[in-house]
């Protein structure tokens, strides 16, 4: 159960991501950075390797991040919606 937050802050001061989700987000960030670097000319000698690196990091990081949501049963999850700072 979510705890009540009486402040006017829209985001939570503590992170709710566990270690594997942080690794997934870091991989997505690195993949986006590699894709932007390839767009600006880095790795022009090996374009296929840069493409595979960037899409591999983006896809792998997204799978790691959303792994928790893929194992949940089907249905609507509105836990704590009324008590969050942004929707209260």
PDB file of N, CA and C in Angstrom:
ATOM      1  N   UNK A   1       0.837  -1.175   0.000  1.00  0.00           N
ATOM      2  CA  UNK A   1       0.000   0.000   0.000  1.00  0.00           C
ATOM      3  C   UNK A   1       0.883   1.238   0.000  1.00  0.00           C
ATOM      4  N   UNK A   2       0.512   2.200  -0.815  1.00  0.00           N
ATOM      5  CA  UNK A   2       1.286   3.429  -0.912  1.00  0.00           C
ATOM      6  C   UNK A   2       1.024   4.307   0.300  1.00  0.00           C
ATOM      7  N   UNK A   3       2.063   5.000   0.725  1.00  0.00           N
ATOM      8  CA  UNK A   3       1.867   5.877   1.872  1.00  0.00           C
ATOM      9  C   UNK A   3       1.468   7.258   1.378  1.00  0.00           C
ATOM     10  N   UNK A   4       0.749   7.972   2.196  1.00  0.00           N
ATOM     11  CA  UNK A   4       0.239   9.290   1.842  1.00  0.00           C
ATOM     12  C   UNK A   4       1.364  10.307   1.882  1.00  0.00           C
ATOM     13  N   UNK A   5       1.460  11.138   0.849  1.00  0.00           N
ATOM     14  CA  UNK A   5       2.470  12.183   0.770  1.00  0.00           C
ATOM     15  C   UNK A   5       1.755  13.530   0.757  1.00  0.00           C
ATOM     16  N   UNK A   6       1.899  14.297   1.823  1.00  0.00           N
ATOM     17  CA  UNK A   6       1.184  15.564   1.947  1.00  0.00           C
ATOM     18  C   UNK A   6       1.931  16.729   1.312  1.00  0.00           C
ATOM     19  N   UNK A   7       3.100  16.504   0.733  1.00  0.00           N
ATOM     20  CA  UNK A   7       3.859  17.607   0.161  1.00  0.00           C
ATOM     21  C   UNK A   7       3.314  17.967  -1.214  1.00  0.00           C
ATOM     22  N   UNK A   8       3.790  19.073  -1.759  1.00  0.00           N
ATOM     23  CA  UNK A   8       3.394  19.508  -3.086  1.00  0.00           C
ATOM     24  C   UNK A   8       4.375  19.036  -4.153  1.00  0.00           C
ATOM     25  N   UNK A   9       5.283  18.187  -3.777  1.00  0.00           N
ATOM     26  CA  UNK A   9       6.291  17.682  -4.694  1.00  0.00           C
ATOM     27  C   UNK A   9       5.660  16.671  -5.650  1.00  0.00           C
ATOM     28  N   UNK A  10       5.937  16.800  -6.950  1.00  0.00           N
ATOM     29  CA  UNK A  10       5.327  15.910  -7.933  1.00  0.00           C
ATOM     30  C   UNK A  10       6.025  14.559  -8.021  1.00  0.00           C
ATOM     31  N   UNK A  11       7.289  14.500  -7.686  1.00  0.00           N
ATOM     32  CA  UNK A  11       8.012  13.239  -7.767  1.00  0.00           C
ATOM     33  C   UNK A  11       8.426  12.789  -6.374  1.00  0.00           C
ATOM     34  N   UNK A  12       8.655  11.511  -6.256  1.00  0.00           N
ATOM     35  CA  UNK A  12       9.066  10.948  -4.976  1.00  0.00           C
ATOM     36  C   UNK A  12      10.539  11.241  -4.725  1.00  0.00           C
ATOM     37  N   UNK A  13      10.919  11.607  -3.511  1.00  0.00           N
ATOM     38  CA  UNK A  13      12.335  11.889  -3.253  1.00  0.00           C
ATOM     39  C   UNK A  13      13.195  10.634  -3.258  1.00  0.00           C
ATOM     40  N   UNK A  14      12.598   9.474  -3.089  1.00  0.00           N
ATOM     41  CA  UNK A  14      13.362   8.231  -3.123  1.00  0.00           C
ATOM     42  C   UNK A  14      13.058   7.494  -4.409  1.00  0.00           C
ATOM     43  N   UNK A  15      14.037   6.788  -4.920  1.00  0.00           N
ATOM     44  CA  UNK A  15      13.879   6.053  -6.163  1.00  0.00           C
ATOM     45  C   UNK A  15      13.167   4.730  -5.906  1.00  0.00           C
ATOM     46  N   UNK A  16      12.293   4.347  -6.805  1.00  0.00           N
ATOM     47  CA  UNK A  16      11.598   3.081  -6.676  1.00  0.00           C
ATOM     48  C   UNK A  16      12.125   2.034  -7.656  1.00  0.00           C
ATOM     49  N   UNK A  17      13.269   2.290  -8.291  1.00  0.00           N
ATOM     50  CA  UNK A  17      13.864   1.344  -9.220  1.00  0.00           C
ATOM     51  C   UNK A  17      14.812   0.429  -8.466  1.00  0.00           C
ATOM     52  N   UNK A  18      14.756  -0.876  -8.770  1.00  0.00           N
ATOM     53  CA  UNK A  18      15.718  -1.779  -8.163  1.00  0.00           C
ATOM     54  C   UNK A  18      16.975  -1.825  -9.032  1.00  0.00           C
ATOM     55  N   UNK A  19      17.941  -2.630  -8.654  1.00  0.00           N
ATOM     56  CA  UNK A  19      19.245  -2.625  -9.324  1.00  0.00           C
ATOM     57  C   UNK A  19      19.147  -3.076 -10.777  1.00  0.00           C
ATOM     58  N   UNK A  20      18.336  -4.096 -11.064  1.00  0.00           N
ATOM     59  CA  UNK A  20      18.244  -4.563 -12.449  1.00  0.00           C
ATOM     60  C   UNK A  20      17.548  -3.544 -13.340  1.00  0.00           C
ATOM     61  N   UNK A  21      16.566  -2.829 -12.808  1.00  0.00           N
ATOM     62  CA  UNK A  21      15.917  -1.789 -13.602  1.00  0.00           C
ATOM     63  C   UNK A  21      16.883  -0.646 -13.888  1.00  0.00           C
ATOM     64  N   UNK A  22      17.737  -0.326 -12.940  1.00  0.00           N
ATOM     65  CA  UNK A  22      18.740   0.722 -13.171  1.00  0.00           C
ATOM     66  C   UNK A  22      19.738   0.300 -14.238  1.00  0.00           C
ATOM     67  N   UNK A  23      20.118  -0.972 -14.243  1.00  0.00           N
ATOM     68  CA  UNK A  23      21.019  -1.474 -15.284  1.00  0.00           C
ATOM     69  C   UNK A  23      20.337  -1.371 -16.646  1.00  0.00           C
ATOM     70  N   UNK A  24      19.057  -1.729 -16.710  1.00  0.00           N
ATOM     71  CA  UNK A  24      18.311  -1.621 -17.961  1.00  0.00           C
ATOM     72  C   UNK A  24      18.224  -0.192 -18.453  1.00  0.00           C
ATOM     73  N   UNK A  25      17.946   0.734 -17.551  1.00  0.00           N
ATOM     74  CA  UNK A  25      17.888   2.148 -17.937  1.00  0.00           C
ATOM     75  C   UNK A  25      19.249   2.665 -18.385  1.00  0.00           C
ATOM     76  N   UNK A  26      20.309   2.207 -17.735  1.00  0.00           N
ATOM     77  CA  UNK A  26      21.655   2.615 -18.148  1.00  0.00           C
ATOM     78  C   UNK A  26      21.975   2.078 -19.545  1.00  0.00           C
ATOM     79  N   UNK A  27      21.542   0.846 -19.819  1.00  0.00           N
ATOM     80  CA  UNK A  27      21.772   0.278 -21.157  1.00  0.00           C
ATOM     81  C   UNK A  27      20.989   1.041 -22.223  1.00  0.00           C
ATOM     82  N   UNK A  28      19.767   1.434 -21.922  1.00  0.00           N
ATOM     83  CA  UNK A  28      18.973   2.229 -22.865  1.00  0.00           C
ATOM     84  C   UNK A  28      19.655   3.575 -23.109  1.00  0.00           C
ATOM     85  N   UNK A  29      20.156   4.192 -22.056  1.00  0.00           N
ATOM     86  CA  UNK A  29      20.863   5.462 -22.215  1.00  0.00           C
ATOM     87  C   UNK A  29      22.117   5.329 -23.050  1.00  0.00           C
ATOM     88  N   UNK A  30      22.882   4.268 -22.807  1.00  0.00           N
ATOM     89  CA  UNK A  30      24.095   4.045 -23.603  1.00  0.00           C
ATOM     90  C   UNK A  30      23.755   3.739 -25.056  1.00  0.00           C
ATOM     91  N   UNK A  31      22.679   3.004 -25.279  1.00  0.00           N
ATOM     92  CA  UNK A  31      22.256   2.714 -26.647  1.00  0.00           C
ATOM     93  C   UNK A  31      21.827   3.974 -27.383  1.00  0.00           C
ATOM     94  N   UNK A  32      21.101   4.850 -26.698  1.00  0.00           N
ATOM     95  CA  UNK A  32      20.703   6.118 -27.311  1.00  0.00           C
ATOM     96  C   UNK A  32      21.923   6.994 -27.582  1.00  0.00           C
ATOM     97  N   UNK A  33      22.878   6.981 -26.665  1.00  0.00           N
ATOM     98  CA  UNK A  33      24.111   7.747 -26.863  1.00  0.00           C
ATOM     99  C   UNK A  33      24.913   7.204 -28.049  1.00  0.00           C
ATOM    100  N   UNK A  34      24.994   5.881 -28.176  1.00  0.00           N
ATOM    101  CA  UNK A  34      25.705   5.274 -29.305  1.00  0.00           C
ATOM    102  C   UNK A  34      24.998   5.585 -30.620  1.00  0.00           C
ATOM    103  N   UNK A  35      23.665   5.600 -30.615  1.00  0.00           N
ATOM    104  CA  UNK A  35      22.921   5.916 -31.835  1.00  0.00           C
ATOM    105  C   UNK A  35      23.138   7.379 -32.236  1.00  0.00           C
ATOM    106  N   UNK A  36      23.162   8.272 -31.255  1.00  0.00           N
ATOM    107  CA  UNK A  36      23.421   9.681 -31.564  1.00  0.00           C
ATOM    108  C   UNK A  36      24.850   9.878 -32.042  1.00  0.00           C
ATOM    109  N   UNK A  37      25.795   9.163 -31.433  1.00  0.00           N
ATOM    110  CA  UNK A  37      27.186   9.277 -31.872  1.00  0.00           C
ATOM    111  C   UNK A  37      27.345   8.766 -33.300  1.00  0.00           C
ATOM    112  N   UNK A  38      26.657   7.678 -33.642  1.00  0.00           N
ATOM    113  CA  UNK A  38      26.714   7.161 -35.012  1.00  0.00           C
ATOM    114  C   UNK A  38      26.061   8.135 -35.984  1.00  0.00           C
ATOM    115  N   UNK A  39      25.023   8.815 -35.550  1.00  0.00           N
ATOM    116  CA  UNK A  39      24.358   9.798 -36.398  1.00  0.00           C
ATOM    117  C   UNK A  39      25.299  10.947 -36.740  1.00  0.00           C
ATOM    118  N   UNK A  40      26.165  11.313 -35.808  1.00  0.00           N
ATOM    119  CA  UNK A  40      27.099  12.411 -36.040  1.00  0.00           C
ATOM    120  C   UNK A  40      28.437  11.958 -36.594  1.00  0.00           C
ATOM    121  N   UNK A  41      28.556  10.700 -37.012  1.00  0.00           N
ATOM    122  CA  UNK A  41      29.736  10.258 -37.743  1.00  0.00           C
ATOM    123  C   UNK A  41      30.684   9.340 -37.015  1.00  0.00           C
ATOM    124  N   UNK A  42      30.478   9.060 -35.744  1.00  0.00           N
ATOM    125  CA  UNK A  42      31.363   8.143 -35.036  1.00  0.00           C
ATOM    126  C   UNK A  42      31.119   6.723 -35.536  1.00  0.00           C
ATOM    127  N   UNK A  43      32.172   5.990 -35.740  1.00  0.00           N
ATOM    128  CA  UNK A  43      32.047   4.611 -36.212  1.00  0.00           C
ATOM    129  C   UNK A  43      31.681   4.512 -37.672  1.00  0.00           C
ATOM    130  N   UNK A  44      32.074   5.501 -38.478  1.00  0.00           N
ATOM    131  CA  UNK A  44      31.734   5.500 -39.894  1.00  0.00           C
ATOM    132  C   UNK A  44      32.419   4.356 -40.638  1.00  0.00           C
ATOM    133  N   UNK A  45      33.517   3.851 -40.095  1.00  0.00           N
ATOM    134  CA  UNK A  45      34.222   2.742 -40.742  1.00  0.00           C
ATOM    135  C   UNK A  45      33.508   1.415 -40.561  1.00  0.00           C
ATOM    136  N   UNK A  46      32.768   1.284 -39.493  1.00  0.00           N
ATOM    137  CA  UNK A  46      32.036   0.038 -39.207  1.00  0.00           C
ATOM    138  C   UNK A  46      30.570   0.374 -38.879  1.00  0.00           C
ATOM    139  N   UNK A  47      29.793   0.755 -39.887  1.00  0.00           N
ATOM    140  CA  UNK A  47      28.428   1.194 -39.600  1.00  0.00           C
ATOM    141  C   UNK A  47      27.523   0.065 -39.089  1.00  0.00           C
ATOM    142  N   UNK A  48      27.727  -1.153 -39.568  1.00  0.00           N
ATOM    143  CA  UNK A  48      26.893  -2.260 -39.115  1.00  0.00           C
ATOM    144  C   UNK A  48      27.145  -2.570 -37.642  1.00  0.00           C
ATOM    145  N   UNK A  49      28.395  -2.482 -37.211  1.00  0.00           N
ATOM    146  CA  UNK A  49      28.721  -2.727 -35.802  1.00  0.00           C
ATOM    147  C   UNK A  49      28.099  -1.656 -34.900  1.00  0.00           C
ATOM    148  N   UNK A  50      28.143  -0.407 -35.338  1.00  0.00           N
ATOM    149  CA  UNK A  50      27.521   0.664 -34.547  1.00  0.00           C
ATOM    150  C   UNK A  50      26.010   0.500 -34.481  1.00  0.00           C
ATOM    151  N   UNK A  51      25.398   0.088 -35.596  1.00  0.00           N
ATOM    152  CA  UNK A  51      23.963  -0.127 -35.606  1.00  0.00           C
ATOM    153  C   UNK A  51      23.581  -1.270 -34.671  1.00  0.00           C
ATOM    154  N   UNK A  52      24.299  -2.367 -34.745  1.00  0.00           N
ATOM    155  CA  UNK A  52      24.009  -3.509 -33.881  1.00  0.00           C
ATOM    156  C   UNK A  52      24.274  -3.178 -32.415  1.00  0.00           C
ATOM    157  N   UNK A  53      25.319  -2.422 -32.148  1.00  0.00           N
ATOM    158  CA  UNK A  53      25.624  -2.025 -30.773  1.00  0.00           C
ATOM    159  C   UNK A  53      24.510  -1.146 -30.203  1.00  0.00           C
ATOM    160  N   UNK A  54      24.113  -0.126 -30.957  1.00  0.00           N
ATOM    161  CA  UNK A  54      23.104   0.795 -30.435  1.00  0.00           C
ATOM    162  C   UNK A  54      21.747   0.113 -30.296  1.00  0.00           C
ATOM    163  N   UNK A  55      21.300  -0.620 -31.302  1.00  0.00           N
ATOM    164  CA  UNK A  55      20.004  -1.296 -31.199  1.00  0.00           C
ATOM    165  C   UNK A  55      20.043  -2.446 -30.197  1.00  0.00           C
ATOM    166  N   UNK A  56      21.187  -3.094 -30.069  1.00  0.00           N
ATOM    167  CA  UNK A  56      21.312  -4.148 -29.065  1.00  0.00           C
ATOM    168  C   UNK A  56      21.203  -3.601 -27.655  1.00  0.00           C
ATOM    169  N   UNK A  57      21.880  -2.490 -27.401  1.00  0.00           N
ATOM    170  CA  UNK A  57      21.782  -1.864 -26.077  1.00  0.00           C
ATOM    171  C   UNK A  57      20.375  -1.328 -25.809  1.00  0.00           C
ATOM    172  N   UNK A  58      19.763  -0.712 -26.809  1.00  0.00           N
ATOM    173  CA  UNK A  58      18.407  -0.188 -26.635  1.00  0.00           C
ATOM    174  C   UNK A  58      17.415  -1.325 -26.368  1.00  0.00           C
ATOM    175  N   UNK A  59      17.446  -2.356 -27.180  1.00  0.00           N
ATOM    176  CA  UNK A  59      16.509  -3.464 -27.026  1.00  0.00           C
ATOM    177  C   UNK A  59      16.759  -4.275 -25.769  1.00  0.00           C
ATOM    178  N   UNK A  60      18.015  -4.576 -25.491  1.00  0.00           N
ATOM    179  CA  UNK A  60      18.343  -5.340 -24.288  1.00  0.00           C
ATOM    180  C   UNK A  60      18.010  -4.592 -23.016  1.00  0.00           C
ATOM    181  N   UNK A  61      18.311  -3.307 -22.999  1.00  0.00           N
ATOM    182  CA  UNK A  61      17.983  -2.498 -21.831  1.00  0.00           C
ATOM    183  C   UNK A  61      16.487  -2.373 -21.613  1.00  0.00           C
ATOM    184  N   UNK A  62      15.737  -2.235 -22.701  1.00  0.00           N
ATOM    185  CA  UNK A  62      14.280  -2.157 -22.575  1.00  0.00           C
ATOM    186  C   UNK A  62      13.707  -3.465 -22.051  1.00  0.00           C
ATOM    187  N   UNK A  63      14.216  -4.590 -22.519  1.00  0.00           N
ATOM    188  CA  UNK A  63      13.738  -5.885 -22.015  1.00  0.00           C
ATOM    189  C   UNK A  63      14.062  -6.066 -20.539  1.00  0.00           C
ATOM    190  N   UNK A  64      15.252  -5.664 -20.134  1.00  0.00           N
ATOM    191  CA  UNK A  64      15.629  -5.781 -18.721  1.00  0.00           C
ATOM    192  C   UNK A  64      14.756  -4.869 -17.866  1.00  0.00           C
ATOM    193  N   UNK A  65      14.509  -3.664 -18.344  1.00  0.00           N
ATOM    194  CA  UNK A  65      13.707  -2.715 -17.567  1.00  0.00           C
ATOM    195  C   UNK A  65      12.258  -3.188 -17.429  1.00  0.00           C
ATOM    196  N   UNK A  66      11.660  -3.654 -18.501  1.00  0.00           N
ATOM    197  CA  UNK A  66      10.254  -4.050 -18.484  1.00  0.00           C
ATOM    198  C   UNK A  66      10.032  -5.503 -18.076  1.00  0.00           C
ATOM    199  N   UNK A  67      11.074  -6.201 -17.672  1.00  0.00           N
ATOM    200  CA  UNK A  67      10.954  -7.611 -17.278  1.00  0.00           C
ATOM    201  C   UNK A  67       9.968  -7.792 -16.132  1.00  0.00           C
ATOM    202  N   UNK A  68       9.962  -6.876 -15.188  1.00  0.00           N
ATOM    203  CA  UNK A  68       9.051  -6.965 -14.046  1.00  0.00           C
ATOM    204  C   UNK A  68       7.600  -6.860 -14.503  1.00  0.00           C
ATOM    205  N   UNK A  69       7.347  -6.014 -15.493  1.00  0.00           N
ATOM    206  CA  UNK A  69       5.986  -5.824 -15.971  1.00  0.00           C
ATOM    207  C   UNK A  69       5.518  -6.981 -16.844  1.00  0.00           C
ATOM    208  N   UNK A  70       6.445  -7.682 -17.483  1.00  0.00           N
ATOM    209  CA  UNK A  70       6.069  -8.800 -18.328  1.00  0.00           C
ATOM    210  C   UNK A  70       5.617 -10.007 -17.510  1.00  0.00           C
ATOM    211  N   UNK A  71       6.062 -10.123 -16.278  1.00  0.00           N
ATOM    212  CA  UNK A  71       5.695 -11.255 -15.428  1.00  0.00           C
ATOM    213  C   UNK A  71       4.417 -11.027 -14.633  1.00  0.00           C
ATOM    214  N   UNK A  72       3.864  -9.831 -14.684  1.00  0.00           N
ATOM    215  CA  UNK A  72       2.640  -9.539 -13.930  1.00  0.00           C
ATOM    216  C   UNK A  72       1.437 -10.171 -14.627  1.00  0.00           C
ATOM    217  N   UNK A  73       0.407 -10.511 -13.869  1.00  0.00           N
ATOM    218  CA  UNK A  73      -0.810 -11.005 -14.515  1.00  0.00           C
ATOM    219  C   UNK A  73      -1.502  -9.876 -15.282  1.00  0.00           C
ATOM    220  N   UNK A  74      -2.284 -10.269 -16.268  1.00  0.00           N
ATOM    221  CA  UNK A  74      -2.972  -9.284 -17.090  1.00  0.00           C
ATOM    222  C   UNK A  74      -4.023  -8.541 -16.264  1.00  0.00           C
ATOM    223  N   UNK A  75      -4.234  -7.289 -16.586  1.00  0.00           N
ATOM    224  CA  UNK A  75      -5.236  -6.488 -15.892  1.00  0.00           C
ATOM    225  C   UNK A  75      -4.751  -5.076 -15.670  1.00  0.00           C
ATOM    226  N   UNK A  76      -5.603  -4.276 -15.113  1.00  0.00           N
ATOM    227  CA  UNK A  76      -5.289  -2.876 -14.858  1.00  0.00           C
ATOM    228  C   UNK A  76      -4.654  -2.761 -13.482  1.00  0.00           C
ATOM    229  N   UNK A  77      -3.568  -1.999 -13.393  1.00  0.00           N
ATOM    230  CA  UNK A  77      -2.844  -1.819 -12.138  1.00  0.00           C
ATOM    231  C   UNK A  77      -2.887  -0.346 -11.754  1.00  0.00           C
ATOM    232  N   UNK A  78      -3.786  -0.005 -10.855  1.00  0.00           N
ATOM    233  CA  UNK A  78      -3.929   1.379 -10.404  1.00  0.00           C
ATOM    234  C   UNK A  78      -3.525   1.528  -8.943  1.00  0.00           C
ATOM    235  N   UNK A  79      -2.581   0.755  -8.492  1.00  0.00           N
ATOM    236  CA  UNK A  79      -2.179   0.782  -7.090  1.00  0.00           C
ATOM    237  C   UNK A  79      -1.580   2.131  -6.727  1.00  0.00           C
ATOM    238  N   UNK A  80      -2.164   2.775  -5.743  1.00  0.00           N
ATOM    239  CA  UNK A  80      -1.629   4.039  -5.227  1.00  0.00           C
ATOM    240  C   UNK A  80      -1.852   5.230  -6.114  1.00  0.00           C
ATOM    241  N   UNK A  81      -2.708   5.146  -7.121  1.00  0.00           N
ATOM    242  CA  UNK A  81      -2.933   6.256  -8.027  1.00  0.00           C
ATOM    243  C   UNK A  81      -3.521   7.476  -7.333  1.00  0.00           C
ATOM    244  N   UNK A  82      -4.440   7.282  -6.422  1.00  0.00           N
ATOM    245  CA  UNK A  82      -5.088   8.409  -5.759  1.00  0.00           C
ATOM    246  C   UNK A  82      -4.182   9.072  -4.733  1.00  0.00           C
ATOM    247  N   UNK A  83      -3.155   8.373  -4.286  1.00  0.00           N
ATOM    248  CA  UNK A  83      -2.305   8.912  -3.243  1.00  0.00           C
ATOM    249  C   UNK A  83      -0.984   9.466  -3.753  1.00  0.00           C
ATOM    250  N   UNK A  84      -0.745   9.402  -5.067  1.00  0.00           N
ATOM    251  CA  UNK A  84       0.506   9.932  -5.578  1.00  0.00           C
ATOM    252  C   UNK A  84       0.442  11.455  -5.626  1.00  0.00           C
ATOM    253  N   UNK A  85       1.599  12.101  -5.601  1.00  0.00           N
ATOM    254  CA  UNK A  85       1.649  13.550  -5.576  1.00  0.00           C
ATOM    255  C   UNK A  85       1.111  14.212  -6.832  1.00  0.00           C
ATOM    256  N   UNK A  86       1.230  13.538  -7.975  1.00  0.00           N
ATOM    257  CA  UNK A  86       0.815  14.143  -9.225  1.00  0.00           C
ATOM    258  C   UNK A  86      -0.675  14.041  -9.477  1.00  0.00           C
ATOM    259  N   UNK A  87      -1.351  13.061  -8.875  1.00  0.00           N
ATOM    260  CA  UNK A  87      -2.768  12.862  -9.159  1.00  0.00           C
ATOM    261  C   UNK A  87      -3.675  13.092  -7.964  1.00  0.00           C
ATOM    262  N   UNK A  88      -3.119  13.425  -6.822  1.00  0.00           N
ATOM    263  CA  UNK A  88      -3.959  13.586  -5.621  1.00  0.00           C
ATOM    264  C   UNK A  88      -4.819  14.830  -5.713  1.00  0.00           C
TER     265      UNK A  88
END
